[in-house]
Amino acid sequence: MNNEARLRAELESIPFPQGTERHICIPIEEVEAWFFSDPKILKKYGAAGKATASPHSVRRPKETLRALSKWENKKPRYSTNENPRLAAELDLDLCAKRCPAFRAFRTFVAAG
């Protein structure tokens, strides 16, 4: 398992150009976990009740979305190619409320 503090310290030690700002965003799992904050995103895969107040704790969110998207024909409807569309539909306020890494990232972007 990764150690977030150690990873953050390692990334912060990498030099970058002066006069620029950077933000290190470390999702606990994968960024797809952010989709688990929004019930309307999950409803697309028949999993409306699966949204969680702690989406960052969803283990293997990419694989979980694929499994949720398998319907009668057993072929998954979700692929990572859908991420840009899902991200555009994501309730950013709800995601920021429920996901600490996203909240910090959103604050950084808004300040820039």
PDB file of N, CA and C in Angstrom:
ATOM      1  N   MET A   1       0.846  -1.178   0.000  1.00  0.00           N
ATOM      2  CA  MET A   1       0.000   0.000   0.000  1.00  0.00           C
ATOM      3  C   MET A   1       0.893   1.244   0.000  1.00  0.00           C
ATOM      4  N   ASN A   2       0.506   2.258  -0.721  1.00  0.00           N
ATOM      5  CA  ASN A   2       1.278   3.493  -0.801  1.00  0.00           C
ATOM      6  C   ASN A   2       1.158   4.290   0.484  1.00  0.00           C
ATOM      7  N   ASN A   3       2.197   5.007   0.798  1.00  0.00           N
ATOM      8  CA  ASN A   3       2.220   5.893   1.943  1.00  0.00           C
ATOM      9  C   ASN A   3       2.077   7.308   1.404  1.00  0.00           C
ATOM     10  N   GLU A   4       0.916   7.929   1.652  1.00  0.00           N
ATOM     11  CA  GLU A   4       0.640   9.245   1.070  1.00  0.00           C
ATOM     12  C   GLU A   4       1.654  10.298   1.520  1.00  0.00           C
ATOM     13  N   ALA A   5       2.006  10.312   2.790  1.00  0.00           N
ATOM     14  CA  ALA A   5       2.952  11.318   3.293  1.00  0.00           C
ATOM     15  C   ALA A   5       4.313  11.167   2.624  1.00  0.00           C
ATOM     16  N   ARG A   6       4.774   9.944   2.478  1.00  0.00           N
ATOM     17  CA  ARG A   6       6.073   9.704   1.845  1.00  0.00           C
ATOM     18  C   ARG A   6       6.023  10.089   0.367  1.00  0.00           C
ATOM     19  N   LEU A   7       4.943   9.707  -0.313  1.00  0.00           N
ATOM     20  CA  LEU A   7       4.795  10.050  -1.727  1.00  0.00           C
ATOM     21  C   LEU A   7       4.732  11.565  -1.909  1.00  0.00           C
ATOM     22  N   ARG A   8       3.975  12.243  -1.062  1.00  0.00           N
ATOM     23  CA  ARG A   8       3.861  13.708  -1.156  1.00  0.00           C
ATOM     24  C   ARG A   8       5.231  14.359  -0.946  1.00  0.00           C
ATOM     25  N   ALA A   9       5.969  13.907   0.061  1.00  0.00           N
ATOM     26  CA  ALA A   9       7.298  14.460   0.329  1.00  0.00           C
ATOM     27  C   ALA A   9       8.227  14.239  -0.863  1.00  0.00           C
ATOM     28  N   GLU A  10       8.157  13.062  -1.459  1.00  0.00           N
ATOM     29  CA  GLU A  10       8.992  12.772  -2.624  1.00  0.00           C
ATOM     30  C   GLU A  10       8.639  13.681  -3.795  1.00  0.00           C
ATOM     31  N   LEU A  11       7.349  13.859  -4.049  1.00  0.00           N
ATOM     32  CA  LEU A  11       6.919  14.719  -5.155  1.00  0.00           C
ATOM     33  C   LEU A  11       7.263  16.184  -4.896  1.00  0.00           C
ATOM     34  N   GLU A  12       7.121  16.621  -3.647  1.00  0.00           N
ATOM     35  CA  GLU A  12       7.441  18.009  -3.304  1.00  0.00           C
ATOM     36  C   GLU A  12       8.937  18.297  -3.426  1.00  0.00           C
ATOM     37  N   SER A  13       9.760  17.269  -3.347  1.00  0.00           N
ATOM     38  CA  SER A  13      11.207  17.473  -3.448  1.00  0.00           C
ATOM     39  C   SER A  13      11.683  17.621  -4.894  1.00  0.00           C
ATOM     40  N   ILE A  14      10.822  17.354  -5.844  1.00  0.00           N
ATOM     41  CA  ILE A  14      11.192  17.483  -7.254  1.00  0.00           C
ATOM     42  C   ILE A  14      11.192  18.965  -7.624  1.00  0.00           C
ATOM     43  N   PRO A  15      12.303  19.463  -8.139  1.00  0.00           N
ATOM     44  CA  PRO A  15      12.355  20.893  -8.498  1.00  0.00           C
ATOM     45  C   PRO A  15      11.397  21.211  -9.651  1.00  0.00           C
ATOM     46  N   PHE A  16      10.873  22.421  -9.606  1.00  0.00           N
ATOM     47  CA  PHE A  16      10.035  22.900 -10.701  1.00  0.00           C
ATOM     48  C   PHE A  16      10.311  24.378 -10.887  1.00  0.00           C
ATOM     49  N   PRO A  17       9.936  24.928 -12.039  1.00  0.00           N
ATOM     50  CA  PRO A  17      10.300  26.323 -12.356  1.00  0.00           C
ATOM     51  C   PRO A  17       9.775  27.323 -11.323  1.00  0.00           C
ATOM     52  N   GLN A  18      10.659  28.236 -10.914  1.00  0.00           N
ATOM     53  CA  GLN A  18      10.246  29.288  -9.999  1.00  0.00           C
ATOM     54  C   GLN A  18       9.242  30.191 -10.702  1.00  0.00           C
ATOM     55  N   GLY A  19       8.346  30.758  -9.917  1.00  0.00           N
ATOM     56  CA  GLY A  19       7.344  31.659 -10.466  1.00  0.00           C
ATOM     57  C   GLY A  19       6.091  30.927 -10.938  1.00  0.00           C
ATOM     58  N   THR A  20       6.094  29.623 -10.829  1.00  0.00           N
ATOM     59  CA  THR A  20       4.898  28.854 -11.173  1.00  0.00           C
ATOM     60  C   THR A  20       4.355  28.225  -9.903  1.00  0.00           C
ATOM     61  N   GLU A  21       3.104  27.916  -9.923  1.00  0.00           N
ATOM     62  CA  GLU A  21       2.495  27.252  -8.784  1.00  0.00           C
ATOM     63  C   GLU A  21       2.233  25.809  -9.154  1.00  0.00           C
ATOM     64  N   ARG A  22       2.239  24.960  -8.161  1.00  0.00           N
ATOM     65  CA  ARG A  22       1.909  23.558  -8.403  1.00  0.00           C
ATOM     66  C   ARG A  22       1.040  23.062  -7.268  1.00  0.00           C
ATOM     67  N   HIS A  23       0.303  22.035  -7.592  1.00  0.00           N
ATOM     68  CA  HIS A  23      -0.538  21.372  -6.603  1.00  0.00           C
ATOM     69  C   HIS A  23      -0.362  19.879  -6.799  1.00  0.00           C
ATOM     70  N   ILE A  24      -0.111  19.192  -5.738  1.00  0.00           N
ATOM     71  CA  ILE A  24       0.046  17.746  -5.803  1.00  0.00           C
ATOM     72  C   ILE A  24      -1.247  17.127  -5.302  1.00  0.00           C
ATOM     73  N   CYS A  25      -1.951  16.482  -6.206  1.00  0.00           N
ATOM     74  CA  CYS A  25      -3.235  15.854  -5.892  1.00  0.00           C
ATOM     75  C   CYS A  25      -3.014  14.346  -5.871  1.00  0.00           C
ATOM     76  N   ILE A  26      -3.216  13.738  -4.728  1.00  0.00           N
ATOM     77  CA  ILE A  26      -2.997  12.305  -4.590  1.00  0.00           C
ATOM     78  C   ILE A  26      -4.317  11.649  -4.200  1.00  0.00           C
ATOM     79  N   PRO A  27      -5.065  11.153  -5.186  1.00  0.00           N
ATOM     80  CA  PRO A  27      -6.267  10.398  -4.834  1.00  0.00           C
ATOM     81  C   PRO A  27      -5.872   9.131  -4.075  1.00  0.00           C
ATOM     82  N   ILE A  28      -6.694   8.719  -3.147  1.00  0.00           N
ATOM     83  CA  ILE A  28      -6.391   7.529  -2.349  1.00  0.00           C
ATOM     84  C   ILE A  28      -6.356   6.292  -3.247  1.00  0.00           C
ATOM     85  N   GLU A  29      -7.288   6.191  -4.149  1.00  0.00           N
ATOM     86  CA  GLU A  29      -7.313   5.087  -5.111  1.00  0.00           C
ATOM     87  C   GLU A  29      -7.038   5.677  -6.493  1.00  0.00           C
ATOM     88  N   GLU A  30      -8.062   5.713  -7.333  1.00  0.00           N
ATOM     89  CA  GLU A  30      -7.956   6.264  -8.688  1.00  0.00           C
ATOM     90  C   GLU A  30      -8.937   7.421  -8.793  1.00  0.00           C
ATOM     91  N   VAL A  31      -8.710   8.312  -9.736  1.00  0.00           N
ATOM     92  CA  VAL A  31      -9.613   9.461  -9.864  1.00  0.00           C
ATOM     93  C   VAL A  31     -11.038   9.025 -10.164  1.00  0.00           C
ATOM     94  N   GLU A  32     -11.243   7.832 -10.718  1.00  0.00           N
ATOM     95  CA  GLU A  32     -12.599   7.337 -10.972  1.00  0.00           C
ATOM     96  C   GLU A  32     -13.410   7.223  -9.688  1.00  0.00           C
ATOM     97  N   ALA A  33     -12.744   7.168  -8.546  1.00  0.00           N
ATOM     98  CA  ALA A  33     -13.466   7.116  -7.268  1.00  0.00           C
ATOM     99  C   ALA A  33     -14.326   8.367  -7.089  1.00  0.00           C
ATOM    100  N   TRP A  34     -13.885   9.482  -7.676  1.00  0.00           N
ATOM    101  CA  TRP A  34     -14.671  10.713  -7.554  1.00  0.00           C
ATOM    102  C   TRP A  34     -16.072  10.539  -8.116  1.00  0.00           C
ATOM    103  N   PHE A  35     -16.250   9.678  -9.107  1.00  0.00           N
ATOM    104  CA  PHE A  35     -17.580   9.451  -9.679  1.00  0.00           C
ATOM    105  C   PHE A  35     -18.529   8.826  -8.661  1.00  0.00           C
ATOM    106  N   PHE A  36     -17.979   8.138  -7.662  1.00  0.00           N
ATOM    107  CA  PHE A  36     -18.815   7.503  -6.643  1.00  0.00           C
ATOM    108  C   PHE A  36     -19.390   8.511  -5.659  1.00  0.00           C
ATOM    109  N   SER A  37     -19.046   9.776  -5.791  1.00  0.00           N
ATOM    110  CA  SER A  37     -19.625  10.814  -4.942  1.00  0.00           C
ATOM    111  C   SER A  37     -20.991  11.256  -5.464  1.00  0.00           C
ATOM    112  N   ASP A  38     -21.272  10.977  -6.721  1.00  0.00           N
ATOM    113  CA  ASP A  38     -22.446  11.540  -7.395  1.00  0.00           C
ATOM    114  C   ASP A  38     -23.433  10.447  -7.815  1.00  0.00           C
ATOM    115  N   PRO A  39     -24.593  10.384  -7.157  1.00  0.00           N
ATOM    116  CA  PRO A  39     -25.557   9.333  -7.499  1.00  0.00           C
ATOM    117  C   PRO A  39     -26.049   9.402  -8.949  1.00  0.00           C
ATOM    118  N   LYS A  40     -26.104  10.585  -9.540  1.00  0.00           N
ATOM    119  CA  LYS A  40     -26.607  10.652 -10.927  1.00  0.00           C
ATOM    120  C   LYS A  40     -25.624  10.020 -11.916  1.00  0.00           C
ATOM    121  N   ILE A  41     -24.333  10.069 -11.608  1.00  0.00           N
ATOM    122  CA  ILE A  41     -23.342   9.400 -12.457  1.00  0.00           C
ATOM    123  C   ILE A  41     -23.533   7.888 -12.360  1.00  0.00           C
ATOM    124  N   LEU A  42     -23.666   7.399 -11.141  1.00  0.00           N
ATOM    125  CA  LEU A  42     -23.800   5.961 -10.943  1.00  0.00           C
ATOM    126  C   LEU A  42     -25.136   5.428 -11.465  1.00  0.00           C
ATOM    127  N   LYS A  43     -26.148   6.277 -11.470  1.00  0.00           N
ATOM    128  CA  LYS A  43     -27.461   5.856 -11.972  1.00  0.00           C
ATOM    129  C   LYS A  43     -27.376   5.425 -13.439  1.00  0.00           C
ATOM    130  N   LYS A  44     -26.454   5.990 -14.175  1.00  0.00           N
ATOM    131  CA  LYS A  44     -26.269   5.622 -15.578  1.00  0.00           C
ATOM    132  C   LYS A  44     -25.935   4.141 -15.711  1.00  0.00           C
ATOM    133  N   TYR A  45     -25.420   3.564 -14.628  1.00  0.00           N
ATOM    134  CA  TYR A  45     -25.026   2.155 -14.651  1.00  0.00           C
ATOM    135  C   TYR A  45     -25.921   1.303 -13.757  1.00  0.00           C
ATOM    136  N   GLY A  46     -27.093   1.827 -13.435  1.00  0.00           N
ATOM    137  CA  GLY A  46     -28.039   1.072 -12.632  1.00  0.00           C
ATOM    138  C   GLY A  46     -27.625   0.954 -11.184  1.00  0.00           C
ATOM    139  N   ALA A  47     -26.827   1.876 -10.722  1.00  0.00           N
ATOM    140  CA  ALA A  47     -26.299   1.790  -9.360  1.00  0.00           C
ATOM    141  C   ALA A  47     -26.562   3.076  -8.589  1.00  0.00           C
ATOM    142  N   ALA A  48     -27.766   3.613  -8.719  1.00  0.00           N
ATOM    143  CA  ALA A  48     -28.080   4.909  -8.121  1.00  0.00           C
ATOM    144  C   ALA A  48     -27.852   4.923  -6.614  1.00  0.00           C
ATOM    145  N   GLY A  49     -28.064   3.829  -5.938  1.00  0.00           N
ATOM    146  CA  GLY A  49     -27.904   3.793  -4.493  1.00  0.00           C
ATOM    147  C   GLY A  49     -26.485   3.555  -4.040  1.00  0.00           C
ATOM    148  N   LYS A  50     -25.542   3.495  -4.949  1.00  0.00           N
ATOM    149  CA  LYS A  50     -24.168   3.140  -4.599  1.00  0.00           C
ATOM    150  C   LYS A  50     -23.272   4.344  -4.310  1.00  0.00           C
ATOM    151  N   ALA A  51     -23.774   5.559  -4.457  1.00  0.00           N
ATOM    152  CA  ALA A  51     -22.946   6.730  -4.145  1.00  0.00           C
ATOM    153  C   ALA A  51     -22.586   6.684  -2.666  1.00  0.00           C
ATOM    154  N   THR A  52     -21.448   7.251  -2.334  1.00  0.00           N
ATOM    155  CA  THR A  52     -20.969   7.167  -0.957  1.00  0.00           C
ATOM    156  C   THR A  52     -20.431   8.505  -0.480  1.00  0.00           C
ATOM    157  N   ALA A  53     -20.523   8.717   0.815  1.00  0.00           N
ATOM    158  CA  ALA A  53     -19.977   9.932   1.414  1.00  0.00           C
ATOM    159  C   ALA A  53     -18.457   9.862   1.497  1.00  0.00           C
ATOM    160  N   SER A  54     -17.873   8.701   1.250  1.00  0.00           N
ATOM    161  CA  SER A  54     -16.416   8.518   1.277  1.00  0.00           C
ATOM    162  C   SER A  54     -15.944   7.849  -0.007  1.00  0.00           C
ATOM    163  N   PRO A  55     -16.144   8.500  -1.151  1.00  0.00           N
ATOM    164  CA  PRO A  55     -15.786   7.859  -2.420  1.00  0.00           C
ATOM    165  C   PRO A  55     -14.320   7.499  -2.541  1.00  0.00           C
ATOM    166  N   HIS A  56     -13.462   8.237  -1.841  1.00  0.00           N
ATOM    167  CA  HIS A  56     -12.032   7.942  -1.895  1.00  0.00           C
ATOM    168  C   HIS A  56     -11.709   6.576  -1.293  1.00  0.00           C
ATOM    169  N   SER A  57     -12.658   5.986  -0.573  1.00  0.00           N
ATOM    170  CA  SER A  57     -12.410   4.680   0.036  1.00  0.00           C
ATOM    171  C   SER A  57     -12.882   3.515  -0.837  1.00  0.00           C
ATOM    172  N   VAL A  58     -13.472   3.808  -1.994  1.00  0.00           N
ATOM    173  CA  VAL A  58     -13.919   2.743  -2.900  1.00  0.00           C
ATOM    174  C   VAL A  58     -12.687   2.059  -3.473  1.00  0.00           C
ATOM    175  N   ARG A  59     -12.565   0.791  -3.210  1.00  0.00           N
ATOM    176  CA  ARG A  59     -11.418   0.020  -3.710  1.00  0.00           C
ATOM    177  C   ARG A  59     -11.625  -0.289  -5.183  1.00  0.00           C
ATOM    178  N   ARG A  60     -10.579  -0.089  -5.956  1.00  0.00           N
ATOM    179  CA  ARG A  60     -10.581  -0.395  -7.388  1.00  0.00           C
ATOM    180  C   ARG A  60     -11.803   0.218  -8.098  1.00  0.00           C
ATOM    181  N   PRO A  61     -11.936   1.536  -8.040  1.00  0.00           N
ATOM    182  CA  PRO A  61     -13.130   2.182  -8.600  1.00  0.00           C
ATOM    183  C   PRO A  61     -13.322   1.947 -10.096  1.00  0.00           C
ATOM    184  N   LYS A  62     -12.232   1.894 -10.849  1.00  0.00           N
ATOM    185  CA  LYS A  62     -12.353   1.647 -12.294  1.00  0.00           C
ATOM    186  C   LYS A  62     -13.008   0.294 -12.541  1.00  0.00           C
ATOM    187  N   GLU A  63     -12.505  -0.713 -11.879  1.00  0.00           N
ATOM    188  CA  GLU A  63     -13.033  -2.061 -12.045  1.00  0.00           C
ATOM    189  C   GLU A  63     -14.455  -2.166 -11.496  1.00  0.00           C
ATOM    190  N   THR A  64     -14.732  -1.441 -10.408  1.00  0.00           N
ATOM    191  CA  THR A  64     -16.073  -1.449  -9.832  1.00  0.00           C
ATOM    192  C   THR A  64     -17.076  -0.825 -10.789  1.00  0.00           C
ATOM    193  N   LEU A  65     -16.703   0.281 -11.451  1.00  0.00           N
ATOM    194  CA  LEU A  65     -17.594   0.884 -12.450  1.00  0.00           C
ATOM    195  C   LEU A  65     -17.854  -0.077 -13.607  1.00  0.00           C
ATOM    196  N   ARG A  66     -16.819  -0.765 -14.043  1.00  0.00           N
ATOM    197  CA  ARG A  66     -17.016  -1.751 -15.113  1.00  0.00           C
ATOM    198  C   ARG A  66     -17.993  -2.829 -14.674  1.00  0.00           C
ATOM    199  N   ALA A  67     -17.830  -3.339 -13.467  1.00  0.00           N
ATOM    200  CA  ALA A  67     -18.715  -4.398 -12.970  1.00  0.00           C
ATOM    201  C   ALA A  67     -20.150  -3.897 -12.844  1.00  0.00           C
ATOM    202  N   LEU A  68     -20.330  -2.668 -12.358  1.00  0.00           N
ATOM    203  CA  LEU A  68     -21.677  -2.108 -12.234  1.00  0.00           C
ATOM    204  C   LEU A  68     -22.342  -1.918 -13.594  1.00  0.00           C
ATOM    205  N   SER A  69     -21.527  -1.694 -14.600  1.00  0.00           N
ATOM    206  CA  SER A  69     -22.090  -1.384 -15.920  1.00  0.00           C
ATOM    207  C   SER A  69     -22.445  -2.628 -16.728  1.00  0.00           C
ATOM    208  N   LYS A  70     -22.199  -3.810 -16.193  1.00  0.00           N
ATOM    209  CA  LYS A  70     -22.584  -5.045 -16.895  1.00  0.00           C
ATOM    210  C   LYS A  70     -24.060  -5.295 -16.661  1.00  0.00           C
ATOM    211  N   TRP A  71     -24.817  -5.333 -17.741  1.00  0.00           N
ATOM    212  CA  TRP A  71     -26.236  -5.604 -17.620  1.00  0.00           C
ATOM    213  C   TRP A  71     -26.523  -6.963 -18.219  1.00  0.00           C
ATOM    214  N   GLU A  72     -27.671  -7.128 -18.803  1.00  0.00           N
ATOM    215  CA  GLU A  72     -28.120  -8.429 -19.285  1.00  0.00           C
ATOM    216  C   GLU A  72     -27.107  -9.140 -20.175  1.00  0.00           C
ATOM    217  N   ASN A  73     -26.470  -8.420 -21.070  1.00  0.00           N
ATOM    218  CA  ASN A  73     -25.564  -9.071 -22.020  1.00  0.00           C
ATOM    219  C   ASN A  73     -24.172  -9.315 -21.441  1.00  0.00           C
ATOM    220  N   LYS A  74     -23.956  -8.941 -20.184  1.00  0.00           N
ATOM    221  CA  LYS A  74     -22.697  -9.155 -19.462  1.00  0.00           C
ATOM    222  C   LYS A  74     -21.513  -8.354 -20.015  1.00  0.00           C
ATOM    223  N   LYS A  75     -21.740  -7.527 -21.025  1.00  0.00           N
ATOM    224  CA  LYS A  75     -20.678  -6.701 -21.584  1.00  0.00           C
ATOM    225  C   LYS A  75     -20.687  -5.356 -20.851  1.00  0.00           C
ATOM    226  N   PRO A  76     -19.549  -4.935 -20.281  1.00  0.00           N
ATOM    227  CA  PRO A  76     -19.530  -3.657 -19.555  1.00  0.00           C
ATOM    228  C   PRO A  76     -19.770  -2.467 -20.486  1.00  0.00           C
ATOM    229  N   ARG A  77     -20.568  -1.530 -20.010  1.00  0.00           N
ATOM    230  CA  ARG A  77     -20.826  -0.311 -20.779  1.00  0.00           C
ATOM    231  C   ARG A  77     -19.842   0.792 -20.419  1.00  0.00           C
ATOM    232  N   TYR A  78     -19.212   0.682 -19.255  1.00  0.00           N
ATOM    233  CA  TYR A  78     -18.249   1.698 -18.836  1.00  0.00           C
ATOM    234  C   TYR A  78     -16.861   1.374 -19.372  1.00  0.00           C
ATOM    235  N   SER A  79     -16.196   2.410 -19.867  1.00  0.00           N
ATOM    236  CA  SER A  79     -14.765   2.322 -20.161  1.00  0.00           C
ATOM    237  C   SER A  79     -14.161   3.665 -19.784  1.00  0.00           C
ATOM    238  N   THR A  80     -12.869   3.688 -19.603  1.00  0.00           N
ATOM    239  CA  THR A  80     -12.212   4.938 -19.206  1.00  0.00           C
ATOM    240  C   THR A  80     -12.339   6.013 -20.285  1.00  0.00           C
ATOM    241  N   ASN A  81     -12.695   5.626 -21.499  1.00  0.00           N
ATOM    242  CA  ASN A  81     -12.934   6.617 -22.554  1.00  0.00           C
ATOM    243  C   ASN A  81     -14.099   7.535 -22.195  1.00  0.00           C
ATOM    244  N   GLU A  82     -14.966   7.087 -21.300  1.00  0.00           N
ATOM    245  CA  GLU A  82     -16.125   7.888 -20.884  1.00  0.00           C
ATOM    246  C   GLU A  82     -15.776   8.905 -19.810  1.00  0.00           C
ATOM    247  N   ASN A  83     -14.588   8.832 -19.240  1.00  0.00           N
ATOM    248  CA  ASN A  83     -14.238   9.719 -18.130  1.00  0.00           C
ATOM    249  C   ASN A  83     -14.424  11.203 -18.428  1.00  0.00           C
ATOM    250  N   PRO A  84     -14.008  11.708 -19.601  1.00  0.00           N
ATOM    251  CA  PRO A  84     -14.233  13.140 -19.854  1.00  0.00           C
ATOM    252  C   PRO A  84     -15.718  13.519 -19.829  1.00  0.00           C
ATOM    253  N   ARG A  85     -16.562  12.678 -20.388  1.00  0.00           N
ATOM    254  CA  ARG A  85     -18.005  12.975 -20.384  1.00  0.00           C
ATOM    255  C   ARG A  85     -18.563  12.900 -18.966  1.00  0.00           C
ATOM    256  N   LEU A  86     -18.177  11.876 -18.216  1.00  0.00           N
ATOM    257  CA  LEU A  86     -18.654  11.745 -16.843  1.00  0.00           C
ATOM    258  C   LEU A  86     -18.149  12.892 -15.980  1.00  0.00           C
ATOM    259  N   ALA A  87     -16.904  13.297 -16.184  1.00  0.00           N
ATOM    260  CA  ALA A  87     -16.351  14.413 -15.422  1.00  0.00           C
ATOM    261  C   ALA A  87     -17.125  15.704 -15.705  1.00  0.00           C
ATOM    262  N   ALA A  88     -17.553  15.890 -16.952  1.00  0.00           N
ATOM    263  CA  ALA A  88     -18.321  17.086 -17.306  1.00  0.00           C
ATOM    264  C   ALA A  88     -19.692  17.085 -16.626  1.00  0.00           C
ATOM    265  N   GLU A  89     -20.213  15.909 -16.312  1.00  0.00           N
ATOM    266  CA  GLU A  89     -21.528  15.787 -15.667  1.00  0.00           C
ATOM    267  C   GLU A  89     -21.440  15.723 -14.144  1.00  0.00           C
ATOM    268  N   LEU A  90     -20.252  15.537 -13.610  1.00  0.00           N
ATOM    269  CA  LEU A  90     -20.059  15.351 -12.178  1.00  0.00           C
ATOM    270  C   LEU A  90     -20.493  16.588 -11.399  1.00  0.00           C
ATOM    271  N   ASP A  91     -21.223  16.381 -10.321  1.00  0.00           N
ATOM    272  CA  ASP A  91     -21.607  17.461  -9.420  1.00  0.00           C
ATOM    273  C   ASP A  91     -20.364  17.852  -8.628  1.00  0.00           C
ATOM    274  N   LEU A  92     -19.713  18.936  -9.037  1.00  0.00           N
ATOM    275  CA  LEU A  92     -18.433  19.332  -8.451  1.00  0.00           C
ATOM    276  C   LEU A  92     -18.554  19.729  -6.987  1.00  0.00           C
ATOM    277  N   ASP A  93     -19.674  20.352  -6.627  1.00  0.00           N
ATOM    278  CA  ASP A  93     -19.865  20.729  -5.225  1.00  0.00           C
ATOM    279  C   ASP A  93     -19.971  19.492  -4.335  1.00  0.00           C
ATOM    280  N   LEU A  94     -20.737  18.514  -4.789  1.00  0.00           N
ATOM    281  CA  LEU A  94     -20.893  17.280  -4.026  1.00  0.00           C
ATOM    282  C   LEU A  94     -19.572  16.520  -3.958  1.00  0.00           C
ATOM    283  N   CYS A  95     -18.858  16.459  -5.060  1.00  0.00           N
ATOM    284  CA  CYS A  95     -17.573  15.781  -5.087  1.00  0.00           C
ATOM    285  C   CYS A  95     -16.579  16.466  -4.147  1.00  0.00           C
ATOM    286  N   ALA A  96     -16.553  17.792  -4.150  1.00  0.00           N
ATOM    287  CA  ALA A  96     -15.654  18.532  -3.261  1.00  0.00           C
ATOM    288  C   ALA A  96     -16.016  18.303  -1.796  1.00  0.00           C
ATOM    289  N   LYS A  97     -17.291  18.179  -1.528  1.00  0.00           N
ATOM    290  CA  LYS A  97     -17.749  17.937  -0.159  1.00  0.00           C
ATOM    291  C   LYS A  97     -17.299  16.558   0.332  1.00  0.00           C
ATOM    292  N   ARG A  98     -17.317  15.578  -0.561  1.00  0.00           N
ATOM    293  CA  ARG A  98     -17.082  14.192  -0.168  1.00  0.00           C
ATOM    294  C   ARG A  98     -15.653  13.694  -0.388  1.00  0.00           C
ATOM    295  N   CYS A  99     -14.876  14.363  -1.222  1.00  0.00           N
ATOM    296  CA  CYS A  99     -13.537  13.875  -1.583  1.00  0.00           C
ATOM    297  C   CYS A  99     -12.466  14.891  -1.201  1.00  0.00           C
ATOM    298  N   PRO A 100     -11.698  14.622  -0.160  1.00  0.00           N
ATOM    299  CA  PRO A 100     -10.670  15.578   0.271  1.00  0.00           C
ATOM    300  C   PRO A 100      -9.653  15.926  -0.812  1.00  0.00           C
ATOM    301  N   ALA A 101      -9.194  14.954  -1.587  1.00  0.00           N
ATOM    302  CA  ALA A 101      -8.204  15.235  -2.635  1.00  0.00           C
ATOM    303  C   ALA A 101      -8.803  16.130  -3.717  1.00  0.00           C
ATOM    304  N   PHE A 102     -10.057  15.875  -4.079  1.00  0.00           N
ATOM    305  CA  PHE A 102     -10.706  16.709  -5.096  1.00  0.00           C
ATOM    306  C   PHE A 102     -10.934  18.116  -4.558  1.00  0.00           C
ATOM    307  N   ARG A 103     -11.335  18.222  -3.301  1.00  0.00           N
ATOM    308  CA  ARG A 103     -11.590  19.537  -2.702  1.00  0.00           C
ATOM    309  C   ARG A 103     -10.331  20.397  -2.773  1.00  0.00           C
ATOM    310  N   ALA A 104      -9.192  19.832  -2.404  1.00  0.00           N
ATOM    311  CA  ALA A 104      -7.931  20.585  -2.447  1.00  0.00           C
ATOM    312  C   ALA A 104      -7.558  20.945  -3.884  1.00  0.00           C
ATOM    313  N   PHE A 105      -7.769  20.026  -4.804  1.00  0.00           N
ATOM    314  CA  PHE A 105      -7.480  20.274  -6.217  1.00  0.00           C
ATOM    315  C   PHE A 105      -8.371  21.400  -6.753  1.00  0.00           C
ATOM    316  N   ARG A 106      -9.662  21.343  -6.447  1.00  0.00           N
ATOM    317  CA  ARG A 106     -10.604  22.351  -6.916  1.00  0.00           C
ATOM    318  C   ARG A 106     -10.241  23.739  -6.350  1.00  0.00           C
ATOM    319  N   THR A 107      -9.871  23.796  -5.086  1.00  0.00           N
ATOM    320  CA  THR A 107      -9.462  25.061  -4.484  1.00  0.00           C
ATOM    321  C   THR A 107      -8.240  25.634  -5.184  1.00  0.00           C
ATOM    322  N   PHE A 108      -7.282  24.778  -5.486  1.00  0.00           N
ATOM    323  CA  PHE A 108      -6.073  25.213  -6.203  1.00  0.00           C
ATOM    324  C   PHE A 108      -6.422  25.771  -7.572  1.00  0.00           C
ATOM    325  N   VAL A 109      -7.257  25.060  -8.315  1.00  0.00           N
ATOM    326  CA  VAL A 109      -7.631  25.503  -9.668  1.00  0.00           C
ATOM    327  C   VAL A 109      -8.398  26.824  -9.607  1.00  0.00           C
ATOM    328  N   ALA A 110      -9.314  26.947  -8.664  1.00  0.00           N
ATOM    329  CA  ALA A 110     -10.116  28.171  -8.535  1.00  0.00           C
ATOM    330  C   ALA A 110      -9.255  29.376  -8.168  1.00  0.00           C
ATOM    331  N   ALA A 111      -8.187  29.153  -7.411  1.00  0.00           N
ATOM    332  CA  ALA A 111      -7.317  30.245  -6.998  1.00  0.00           C
ATOM    333  C   ALA A 111      -6.419  30.735  -8.130  1.00  0.00           C
ATOM    334  N   GLY A 112      -6.222  29.857  -9.132  1.00  0.00           N
ATOM    335  CA  GLY A 112      -5.289  30.187 -10.216  1.00  0.00           C
ATOM    336  C   GLY A 112      -5.879  31.086 -11.199  1.00  0.00           C
TER     337      GLY A 112
END
